[in-house]
C-alpha atoms as a PDB file:
ATOM      1  CA  MET A   1     -10.439   8.513 -12.635  1.00  0.00           C
ATOM      2  CA  LYS A   2     -12.723   9.034  -9.601  1.00  0.00           C
ATOM      3  CA  ASN A   3     -13.983   5.688  -9.311  1.00  0.00           C
ATOM      4  CA  THR A   4     -10.519   4.197 -10.088  1.00  0.00           C
ATOM      5  CA  LEU A   5      -8.853   6.328  -7.072  1.00  0.00           C
ATOM      6  CA  LEU A   6     -11.701   5.177  -4.708  1.00  0.00           C
ATOM      7  CA  SER A   7     -11.078   1.646  -5.659  1.00  0.00           C
ATOM      8  CA  ILE A   8      -7.092   2.416  -4.893  1.00  0.00           C
ATOM      9  CA  GLU A   9      -8.194   3.978  -1.460  1.00  0.00           C
ATOM     10  CA  ASN A  10     -10.138   0.889  -0.647  1.00  0.00           C
ATOM     11  CA  VAL A  11      -7.346  -1.544  -1.284  1.00  0.00           C
ATOM     12  CA  VAL A  12      -4.767   0.823   0.597  1.00  0.00           C
ATOM     13  CA  ASN A  13      -7.085   1.099   3.899  1.00  0.00           C
ATOM     14  CA  ASN A  14      -7.787  -2.707   3.734  1.00  0.00           C
ATOM     15  CA  PHE A  15      -3.803  -2.923   4.052  1.00  0.00           C
ATOM     16  CA  SER A  16      -3.961  -0.313   6.749  1.00  0.00           C
ATOM     17  CA  ARG A  17      -5.824  -2.389   9.047  1.00  0.00           C
ATOM     18  CA  MET A  18      -3.115  -5.015   9.201  1.00  0.00           C
ATOM     19  CA  ILE A  19      -0.470  -1.953   9.292  1.00  0.00           C
ATOM     20  CA  VAL A  20      -1.557  -0.286  12.110  1.00  0.00           C
ATOM     21  CA  ALA A  21      -2.079  -3.239  14.460  1.00  0.00           C
ATOM     22  CA  ASP A  22       1.792  -3.380  14.384  1.00  0.00           C
ATOM     23  CA  GLY A  23       1.867   0.417  14.824  1.00  0.00           C
ATOM     24  CA  GLY A  24       2.695   1.191  11.361  1.00  0.00           C
ATOM     25  CA  ASN A  25       0.953   3.991   8.933  1.00  0.00           C
ATOM     26  CA  ILE A  26       0.126   3.551   5.134  1.00  0.00           C
ATOM     27  CA  SER A  27      -1.055   6.468   2.996  1.00  0.00           C
ATOM     28  CA  ILE A  28      -1.671   7.304  -0.822  1.00  0.00           C
ATOM     29  CA  GLN A  29       1.111  10.208  -1.579  1.00  0.00           C
ATOM     30  CA  SER A  30      -0.146  10.288  -5.331  1.00  0.00           C
ATOM     31  CA  PHE A  31      -1.579   8.226  -8.547  1.00  0.00           C
ATOM     32  CA  ASP A  32      -0.914   9.387 -11.962  1.00  0.00           C
ATOM     33  CA  GLU A  33      -3.415   7.586 -14.074  1.00  0.00           C
ATOM     34  CA  ASP A  34      -1.867   8.875 -17.431  1.00  0.00           C
ATOM     35  CA  GLU A  35       1.657   6.853 -16.126  1.00  0.00           C
ATOM     36  CA  SER A  36      -0.270   4.151 -14.260  1.00  0.00           C
ATOM     37  CA  ILE A  37       2.132   4.832 -11.036  1.00  0.00           C
ATOM     38  CA  LEU A  38       0.792   4.716  -7.889  1.00  0.00           C
ATOM     39  CA  ILE A  39       3.128   6.076  -5.039  1.00  0.00           C
ATOM     40  CA  VAL A  40       2.259   4.885  -1.028  1.00  0.00           C
ATOM     41  CA  ASP A  41       4.067   6.079   1.989  1.00  0.00           C
ATOM     42  CA  TYR A  42       4.583   3.579   4.409  1.00  0.00           C
ATOM     43  CA  PHE A  43       5.640   3.683   8.030  1.00  0.00           C
ATOM     44  CA  LYS A  44       6.662   0.093   9.040  1.00  0.00           C
ATOM     45  CA  GLY A  45       5.659  -0.647  12.311  1.00  0.00           C
ATOM     46  CA  SER A  46       7.259  -3.433  14.420  1.00  0.00           C
ATOM     47  CA  ASN A  47       6.104  -6.119  16.328  1.00  0.00           C
ATOM     48  CA  LEU A  48       8.402  -7.365  19.235  1.00  0.00           C
ATOM     49  CA  ARG A  49       6.686 -10.875  19.676  1.00  0.00           C
ATOM     50  CA  CYS A  50       6.887 -11.587  16.207  1.00  0.00           C
ATOM     51  CA  GLU A  51       9.200  -9.448  13.786  1.00  0.00           C
ATOM     52  CA  TYR A  52       8.426 -11.579  10.905  1.00  0.00           C
ATOM     53  CA  CYS A  53       5.020 -10.605  10.815  1.00  0.00           C
ATOM     54  CA  VAL A  54       5.715  -7.386   9.943  1.00  0.00           C
ATOM     55  CA  ILE A  55       4.875  -6.354   6.073  1.00  0.00           C
ATOM     56  CA  ASP A  56       7.990  -5.468   4.356  1.00  0.00           C
ATOM     57  CA  GLU A  57       8.283  -2.860   1.344  1.00  0.00           C
ATOM     58  CA  VAL A  58       8.506  -5.585  -1.183  1.00  0.00           C
ATOM     59  CA  SER A  59       5.863  -7.902  -0.032  1.00  0.00           C
ATOM     60  CA  LEU A  60       3.528  -4.665   0.361  1.00  0.00           C
ATOM     61  CA  ARG A  61       4.205  -3.773  -3.098  1.00  0.00           C
ATOM     62  CA  ASP A  62       3.400  -6.915  -4.358  1.00  0.00           C
ATOM     63  CA  PHE A  63       0.257  -7.384  -2.303  1.00  0.00           C
ATOM     64  CA  ILE A  64      -1.027  -4.008  -3.301  1.00  0.00           C
ATOM     65  CA  ALA A  65      -0.223  -4.356  -6.763  1.00  0.00           C
ATOM     66  CA  GLU A  66      -2.112  -8.126  -6.755  1.00  0.00           C
ATOM     67  CA  ALA A  67      -5.014  -6.659  -5.027  1.00  0.00           C
ATOM     68  CA  LEU A  68      -5.614  -3.987  -7.739  1.00  0.00           C
ATOM     69  CA  GLY A  69      -4.968  -6.507 -10.403  1.00  0.00           C
ATOM     70  CA  ALA A  70      -7.883  -8.787  -8.729  1.00  0.00           C
ATOM     71  CA  ARG A  71     -10.270  -5.670  -9.001  1.00  0.00           C
ATOM     72  CA  GLY A  72      -9.419  -5.069 -12.775  1.00  0.00           C
ATOM     73  CA  ILE A  73      -7.486  -2.096 -11.748  1.00  0.00           C
ATOM     74  CA  GLU A  74      -4.170  -1.769 -14.013  1.00  0.00           C
ATOM     75  CA  VAL A  75      -1.095  -0.187 -12.046  1.00  0.00           C
ATOM     76  CA  HIS A  76       1.914  -0.653 -13.690  1.00  0.00           C
ATOM     77  CA  ASN A  77       4.375   0.755 -11.012  1.00  0.00           C
ATOM     78  CA  VAL A  78       3.555   0.751  -7.401  1.00  0.00           C
ATOM     79  CA  VAL A  79       6.248   2.601  -5.365  1.00  0.00           C
ATOM     80  CA  ILE A  80       6.560   2.048  -1.596  1.00  0.00           C
ATOM     81  CA  ASN A  81       8.368   5.172   0.034  1.00  0.00           C
ATOM     82  CA  SER A  82       9.557   4.431   3.427  1.00  0.00           C
ATOM     83  CA  VAL A  83       9.084   6.875   5.849  1.00  0.00           C
ATOM     84  CA  GLN A  84       9.991   7.724   9.520  1.00  0.00           C
ATOM     85  CA  PRO A  85       7.337   8.990  11.988  1.00  0.00           C
END
């Protein structure tokens, strides 16, 4: 589990760099390996110059799932919780 969680943290941190650039924030709320569920808190920032450049919740979920799969980490359900600052 420790290696799996480290790999998940690395994936989320990679997306964090993009999200922070738009004033947003992302963090892992929980990961249940037995149920294969990852829950992520996401504060969607804003970009006045390009509102379409900000990642929406559905795309973020899909990007995370794809990145995990590419690393051989099977997570059946990625849940994105929209949060306010």
